[in-house]
Amino acid sequence: MTAHALEGEDKKCLAAGMDDYLSKPVDKEVLLKTLNKWIGSGSASSIRDEAQTYAEIIACQLSEQSGFDLPTAQKLVGEYIKQAIDLLGQARRALRLQDSLRLQNILHQLKGCSGNIRAAEIARLADLAFRMARRQTWEEIAAQLGKIEALLDNLVKYPLHNSDQDNIELIDRQEDLADE
């Protein structure tokens, strides 16, 4: 894209190695046509329809809703899984100590990062547990943390296309959480 809209500027840009040419002000129809030319008809929603695992579905939703390409979304989901497992471990420790304020803080973080990554069900459960932490209903909180852990287990068991080392690290974190 360039602000140079003079006649012949498109040829100069293409000759210089650009893949295509758009000038400002941008015409919406020309932009969409150009994007379709380079992206093709394989939209994020069609990729999402082919997703099999919870982690793949989250990555596809993140890609579709945020504009990240799918490999970047997958990497972000992988990092999220590590963070969520760590936060869940911290939440379990705060629950054991019946530290309501600390637990609320951790659950707020878990809700936020889950929402950002499009893990809507985990965000919903974290919010529910957060509200329970305000009332200090410890057994109910434990049940919600169990549900969150089950969803995170699913993410770890059926990971994205991570390296073997990444998968080993996730399993180790999950085992550390189970030992607590």
C-alpha atoms as a PDB file:
ATOM      1  CA  MET A   1       0.000   0.000   0.000  1.00  0.00           C
ATOM      2  CA  THR A   2       1.274   3.406  -0.820  1.00  0.00           C
ATOM      3  CA  ALA A   3       0.172   7.003  -0.682  1.00  0.00           C
ATOM      4  CA  HIS A   4       1.679   7.491  -4.141  1.00  0.00           C
ATOM      5  CA  ALA A   5      -1.331   7.447  -6.451  1.00  0.00           C
ATOM      6  CA  LEU A   6       0.265   8.984  -9.520  1.00  0.00           C
ATOM      7  CA  GLU A   7      -0.227   7.327 -12.864  1.00  0.00           C
ATOM      8  CA  GLY A   8       2.378   4.640 -13.460  1.00  0.00           C
ATOM      9  CA  GLU A   9       3.240   4.357  -9.767  1.00  0.00           C
ATOM     10  CA  ASP A  10       1.755   0.853  -9.662  1.00  0.00           C
ATOM     11  CA  LYS A  11       4.223  -0.345 -12.319  1.00  0.00           C
ATOM     12  CA  LYS A  12       7.149   1.142 -10.387  1.00  0.00           C
ATOM     13  CA  CYS A  13       6.070  -0.576  -7.174  1.00  0.00           C
ATOM     14  CA  LEU A  14       5.550  -3.941  -8.857  1.00  0.00           C
ATOM     15  CA  ALA A  15       8.902  -3.629 -10.637  1.00  0.00           C
ATOM     16  CA  ALA A  16      10.549  -2.911  -7.268  1.00  0.00           C
ATOM     17  CA  GLY A  17       9.315  -6.265  -5.948  1.00  0.00           C
ATOM     18  CA  MET A  18       5.936  -5.575  -4.389  1.00  0.00           C
ATOM     19  CA  ASP A  19       3.457  -8.436  -4.751  1.00  0.00           C
ATOM     20  CA  ASP A  20       0.528  -6.137  -5.489  1.00  0.00           C
ATOM     21  CA  TYR A  21      -0.426  -2.481  -5.395  1.00  0.00           C
ATOM     22  CA  LEU A  22      -3.045  -0.440  -3.538  1.00  0.00           C
ATOM     23  CA  SER A  23      -3.076   3.327  -3.309  1.00  0.00           C
ATOM     24  CA  LYS A  24      -4.679   5.630  -0.809  1.00  0.00           C
ATOM     25  CA  PRO A  25      -7.429   6.515  -0.332  1.00  0.00           C
ATOM     26  CA  VAL A  26      -8.360   2.879  -0.113  1.00  0.00           C
ATOM     27  CA  ASP A  27     -11.393   1.697  -2.033  1.00  0.00           C
ATOM     28  CA  LYS A  28     -13.111  -0.985   0.064  1.00  0.00           C
ATOM     29  CA  GLU A  29     -14.088  -3.135  -2.933  1.00  0.00           C
ATOM     30  CA  VAL A  30     -10.570  -3.031  -4.395  1.00  0.00           C
ATOM     31  CA  LEU A  31      -9.092  -3.868  -0.982  1.00  0.00           C
ATOM     32  CA  LEU A  32     -11.407  -6.850  -0.499  1.00  0.00           C
ATOM     33  CA  LYS A  33     -10.744  -8.093  -4.030  1.00  0.00           C
ATOM     34  CA  THR A  34      -6.983  -7.824  -3.485  1.00  0.00           C
ATOM     35  CA  LEU A  35      -7.135  -9.549  -0.104  1.00  0.00           C
ATOM     36  CA  ASN A  36      -9.241 -12.356  -1.554  1.00  0.00           C
ATOM     37  CA  LYS A  37      -6.712 -12.728  -4.360  1.00  0.00           C
ATOM     38  CA  TRP A  38      -3.852 -13.268  -1.905  1.00  0.00           C
ATOM     39  CA  ILE A  39      -5.632 -14.996   0.957  1.00  0.00           C
ATOM     40  CA  GLY A  40      -7.868 -17.125  -1.203  1.00  0.00           C
ATOM     41  CA  SER A  41     -11.240 -18.544  -0.328  1.00  0.00           C
ATOM     42  CA  GLY A  42      -9.930 -20.583   2.648  1.00  0.00           C
ATOM     43  CA  SER A  43     -11.225 -18.374   5.417  1.00  0.00           C
ATOM     44  CA  ALA A  44     -10.523 -18.788   9.111  1.00  0.00           C
ATOM     45  CA  SER A  45     -14.074 -20.027   9.605  1.00  0.00           C
ATOM     46  CA  SER A  46     -13.544 -22.861   7.111  1.00  0.00           C
ATOM     47  CA  ILE A  47     -10.331 -23.771   8.932  1.00  0.00           C
ATOM     48  CA  ARG A  48     -12.246 -23.682  12.227  1.00  0.00           C
ATOM     49  CA  ASP A  49     -14.806 -26.121  10.829  1.00  0.00           C
ATOM     50  CA  GLU A  50     -11.981 -28.629  10.314  1.00  0.00           C
ATOM     51  CA  ALA A  51     -10.541 -28.177  13.818  1.00  0.00           C
ATOM     52  CA  GLN A  52     -10.734 -31.320  15.915  1.00  0.00           C
ATOM     53  CA  THR A  53      -9.429 -30.433  19.349  1.00  0.00           C
ATOM     54  CA  TYR A  54     -10.322 -27.775  21.892  1.00  0.00           C
ATOM     55  CA  ALA A  55      -6.871 -26.205  21.403  1.00  0.00           C
ATOM     56  CA  GLU A  56      -7.350 -26.077  17.626  1.00  0.00           C
ATOM     57  CA  ILE A  57     -10.796 -24.530  18.010  1.00  0.00           C
ATOM     58  CA  ILE A  58      -9.424 -21.852  20.337  1.00  0.00           C
ATOM     59  CA  ALA A  59      -6.537 -21.110  17.948  1.00  0.00           C
ATOM     60  CA  CYS A  60      -8.928 -20.834  14.996  1.00  0.00           C
ATOM     61  CA  GLN A  61     -11.248 -18.510  16.908  1.00  0.00           C
ATOM     62  CA  LEU A  62      -8.299 -16.368  17.973  1.00  0.00           C
ATOM     63  CA  SER A  63      -7.048 -16.214  14.393  1.00  0.00           C
ATOM     64  CA  GLU A  64     -10.477 -15.364  13.019  1.00  0.00           C
ATOM     65  CA  GLN A  65     -11.367 -12.747  15.617  1.00  0.00           C
ATOM     66  CA  SER A  66      -7.994 -11.061  16.089  1.00  0.00           C
ATOM     67  CA  GLY A  67      -6.458 -11.173  12.638  1.00  0.00           C
ATOM     68  CA  PHE A  68      -3.428 -13.225  13.712  1.00  0.00           C
ATOM     69  CA  ASP A  69      -2.356 -15.841  11.215  1.00  0.00           C
ATOM     70  CA  LEU A  70      -3.052 -19.404  12.356  1.00  0.00           C
ATOM     71  CA  PRO A  71       0.574 -20.340  13.258  1.00  0.00           C
ATOM     72  CA  THR A  72       0.855 -17.212  15.434  1.00  0.00           C
ATOM     73  CA  ALA A  73      -2.498 -17.970  17.066  1.00  0.00           C
ATOM     74  CA  GLN A  74      -1.354 -21.542  17.754  1.00  0.00           C
ATOM     75  CA  LYS A  75       1.836 -20.280  19.384  1.00  0.00           C
ATOM     76  CA  LEU A  76      -0.146 -17.846  21.532  1.00  0.00           C
ATOM     77  CA  VAL A  77      -2.501 -20.626  22.615  1.00  0.00           C
ATOM     78  CA  GLY A  78       0.524 -22.755  23.549  1.00  0.00           C
ATOM     79  CA  GLU A  79       1.873 -19.939  25.718  1.00  0.00           C
ATOM     80  CA  TYR A  80      -1.574 -19.424  27.205  1.00  0.00           C
ATOM     81  CA  ILE A  81      -1.765 -23.085  28.222  1.00  0.00           C
ATOM     82  CA  LYS A  82       1.504 -22.756  30.156  1.00  0.00           C
ATOM     83  CA  GLN A  83       0.286 -19.601  31.892  1.00  0.00           C
ATOM     84  CA  ALA A  84      -3.146 -21.059  32.675  1.00  0.00           C
ATOM     85  CA  ILE A  85      -1.615 -24.182  34.226  1.00  0.00           C
ATOM     86  CA  ASP A  86       0.609 -21.999  36.407  1.00  0.00           C
ATOM     87  CA  LEU A  87      -2.338 -19.810  37.450  1.00  0.00           C
ATOM     88  CA  LEU A  88      -4.427 -22.866  38.274  1.00  0.00           C
ATOM     89  CA  GLY A  89      -1.632 -24.144  40.531  1.00  0.00           C
ATOM     90  CA  GLN A  90      -1.489 -20.769  42.283  1.00  0.00           C
ATOM     91  CA  ALA A  91      -5.286 -20.789  42.660  1.00  0.00           C
ATOM     92  CA  ARG A  92      -5.201 -24.234  44.265  1.00  0.00           C
ATOM     93  CA  ARG A  93      -2.549 -23.041  46.758  1.00  0.00           C
ATOM     94  CA  ALA A  94      -4.599 -19.925  47.615  1.00  0.00           C
ATOM     95  CA  LEU A  95      -7.679 -22.115  48.031  1.00  0.00           C
ATOM     96  CA  ARG A  96      -5.836 -24.432  50.452  1.00  0.00           C
ATOM     97  CA  LEU A  97      -4.822 -21.367  52.482  1.00  0.00           C
ATOM     98  CA  GLN A  98      -8.353 -19.942  52.145  1.00  0.00           C
ATOM     99  CA  ASP A  99      -6.758 -16.686  51.016  1.00  0.00           C
ATOM    100  CA  SER A 100      -9.791 -15.082  49.397  1.00  0.00           C
ATOM    101  CA  LEU A 101      -8.086 -11.907  48.144  1.00  0.00           C
ATOM    102  CA  ARG A 102      -5.160 -13.776  46.597  1.00  0.00           C
ATOM    103  CA  LEU A 103      -7.554 -16.279  45.038  1.00  0.00           C
ATOM    104  CA  GLN A 104      -9.687 -13.486  43.569  1.00  0.00           C
ATOM    105  CA  ASN A 105      -6.596 -11.877  42.064  1.00  0.00           C
ATOM    106  CA  ILE A 106      -5.437 -15.139  40.477  1.00  0.00           C
ATOM    107  CA  LEU A 107      -8.895 -15.993  39.148  1.00  0.00           C
ATOM    108  CA  HIS A 108      -9.203 -12.492  37.707  1.00  0.00           C
ATOM    109  CA  GLN A 109      -5.903 -13.046  35.856  1.00  0.00           C
ATOM    110  CA  LEU A 110      -7.061 -16.444  34.619  1.00  0.00           C
ATOM    111  CA  LYS A 111     -10.360 -15.015  33.422  1.00  0.00           C
ATOM    112  CA  GLY A 112      -8.570 -12.194  31.606  1.00  0.00           C
ATOM    113  CA  CYS A 113      -5.956 -14.265  29.812  1.00  0.00           C
ATOM    114  CA  SER A 114      -8.560 -16.908  28.940  1.00  0.00           C
ATOM    115  CA  GLY A 115     -10.873 -14.295  27.484  1.00  0.00           C
ATOM    116  CA  ASN A 116      -8.047 -12.702  25.517  1.00  0.00           C
ATOM    117  CA  ILE A 117      -7.095 -16.021  23.950  1.00  0.00           C
ATOM    118  CA  ARG A 118     -10.772 -16.894  23.267  1.00  0.00           C
ATOM    119  CA  ALA A 119     -10.950 -19.782  25.751  1.00  0.00           C
ATOM    120  CA  ALA A 120     -14.470 -18.651  26.619  1.00  0.00           C
ATOM    121  CA  GLU A 121     -15.488 -21.619  28.770  1.00  0.00           C
ATOM    122  CA  ILE A 122     -12.388 -21.360  30.962  1.00  0.00           C
ATOM    123  CA  ALA A 123     -12.959 -17.591  31.263  1.00  0.00           C
ATOM    124  CA  ARG A 124     -16.582 -18.212  32.275  1.00  0.00           C
ATOM    125  CA  LEU A 125     -15.599 -20.777  34.915  1.00  0.00           C
ATOM    126  CA  ALA A 126     -12.833 -18.514  36.264  1.00  0.00           C
ATOM    127  CA  ASP A 127     -15.339 -15.673  36.584  1.00  0.00           C
ATOM    128  CA  LEU A 128     -17.780 -17.940  38.407  1.00  0.00           C
ATOM    129  CA  ALA A 129     -15.033 -19.106  40.771  1.00  0.00           C
ATOM    130  CA  PHE A 130     -13.987 -15.459  41.271  1.00  0.00           C
ATOM    131  CA  ARG A 131     -17.506 -14.573  42.432  1.00  0.00           C
ATOM    132  CA  MET A 132     -17.494 -17.609  44.725  1.00  0.00           C
ATOM    133  CA  ALA A 133     -14.147 -16.491  46.182  1.00  0.00           C
ATOM    134  CA  ARG A 134     -15.780 -13.220  47.200  1.00  0.00           C
ATOM    135  CA  ARG A 135     -18.341 -15.247  49.172  1.00  0.00           C
ATOM    136  CA  GLN A 136     -15.651 -17.685  50.367  1.00  0.00           C
ATOM    137  CA  THR A 137     -17.605 -20.774  49.318  1.00  0.00           C
ATOM    138  CA  TRP A 138     -14.516 -22.961  49.336  1.00  0.00           C
ATOM    139  CA  GLU A 139     -16.062 -26.280  48.256  1.00  0.00           C
ATOM    140  CA  GLU A 140     -17.840 -24.669  45.327  1.00  0.00           C
ATOM    141  CA  ILE A 141     -14.602 -22.974  44.284  1.00  0.00           C
ATOM    142  CA  ALA A 142     -12.803 -26.322  44.398  1.00  0.00           C
ATOM    143  CA  ALA A 143     -15.456 -27.788  42.084  1.00  0.00           C
ATOM    144  CA  GLN A 144     -15.012 -24.932  39.585  1.00  0.00           C
ATOM    145  CA  LEU A 145     -11.229 -25.320  39.677  1.00  0.00           C
ATOM    146  CA  GLY A 146     -11.752 -29.013  38.923  1.00  0.00           C
ATOM    147  CA  LYS A 147     -13.776 -28.104  35.833  1.00  0.00           C
ATOM    148  CA  ILE A 148     -11.087 -25.653  34.709  1.00  0.00           C
ATOM    149  CA  GLU A 149      -8.440 -28.311  35.260  1.00  0.00           C
ATOM    150  CA  ALA A 150     -10.416 -30.775  33.112  1.00  0.00           C
ATOM    151  CA  LEU A 151     -10.513 -28.269  30.256  1.00  0.00           C
ATOM    152  CA  LEU A 152      -6.796 -27.577  30.623  1.00  0.00           C
ATOM    153  CA  ASP A 153      -6.160 -31.351  30.670  1.00  0.00           C
ATOM    154  CA  ASN A 154      -7.947 -31.521  27.334  1.00  0.00           C
ATOM    155  CA  LEU A 155      -5.724 -28.762  25.968  1.00  0.00           C
ATOM    156  CA  VAL A 156      -2.595 -30.603  27.121  1.00  0.00           C
ATOM    157  CA  LYS A 157      -3.703 -34.066  25.953  1.00  0.00           C
ATOM    158  CA  TYR A 158      -4.543 -32.829  22.478  1.00  0.00           C
ATOM    159  CA  PRO A 159      -2.021 -30.072  21.882  1.00  0.00           C
ATOM    160  CA  LEU A 160      -1.488 -27.985  18.823  1.00  0.00           C
ATOM    161  CA  HIS A 161       1.359 -28.609  16.446  1.00  0.00           C
ATOM    162  CA  ASN A 162       4.011 -27.874  19.069  1.00  0.00           C
ATOM    163  CA  SER A 163       7.476 -29.310  19.190  1.00  0.00           C
ATOM    164  CA  ASP A 164       8.037 -32.443  21.261  1.00  0.00           C
ATOM    165  CA  GLN A 165       9.921 -30.305  23.799  1.00  0.00           C
ATOM    166  CA  ASP A 166       6.935 -27.952  24.172  1.00  0.00           C
ATOM    167  CA  ASN A 167       4.618 -30.925  24.683  1.00  0.00           C
ATOM    168  CA  ILE A 168       6.936 -32.430  27.325  1.00  0.00           C
ATOM    169  CA  GLU A 169       7.043 -29.076  29.138  1.00  0.00           C
ATOM    170  CA  LEU A 170       3.229 -28.850  29.173  1.00  0.00           C
ATOM    171  CA  ILE A 171       2.872 -32.398  30.495  1.00  0.00           C
ATOM    172  CA  ASP A 172       5.480 -31.683  33.204  1.00  0.00           C
ATOM    173  CA  ARG A 173       3.556 -28.573  34.293  1.00  0.00           C
ATOM    174  CA  GLN A 174       0.328 -30.536  34.342  1.00  0.00           C
ATOM    175  CA  GLU A 175       1.944 -33.298  36.460  1.00  0.00           C
ATOM    176  CA  ASP A 176       3.334 -30.690  38.863  1.00  0.00           C
ATOM    177  CA  LEU A 177      -0.183 -29.312  39.258  1.00  0.00           C
ATOM    178  CA  ALA A 178      -1.576 -32.798  39.929  1.00  0.00           C
ATOM    179  CA  ASP A 179       1.061 -33.361  42.635  1.00  0.00           C
ATOM    180  CA  GLU A 180      -0.058 -30.264  44.561  1.00  0.00           C
END
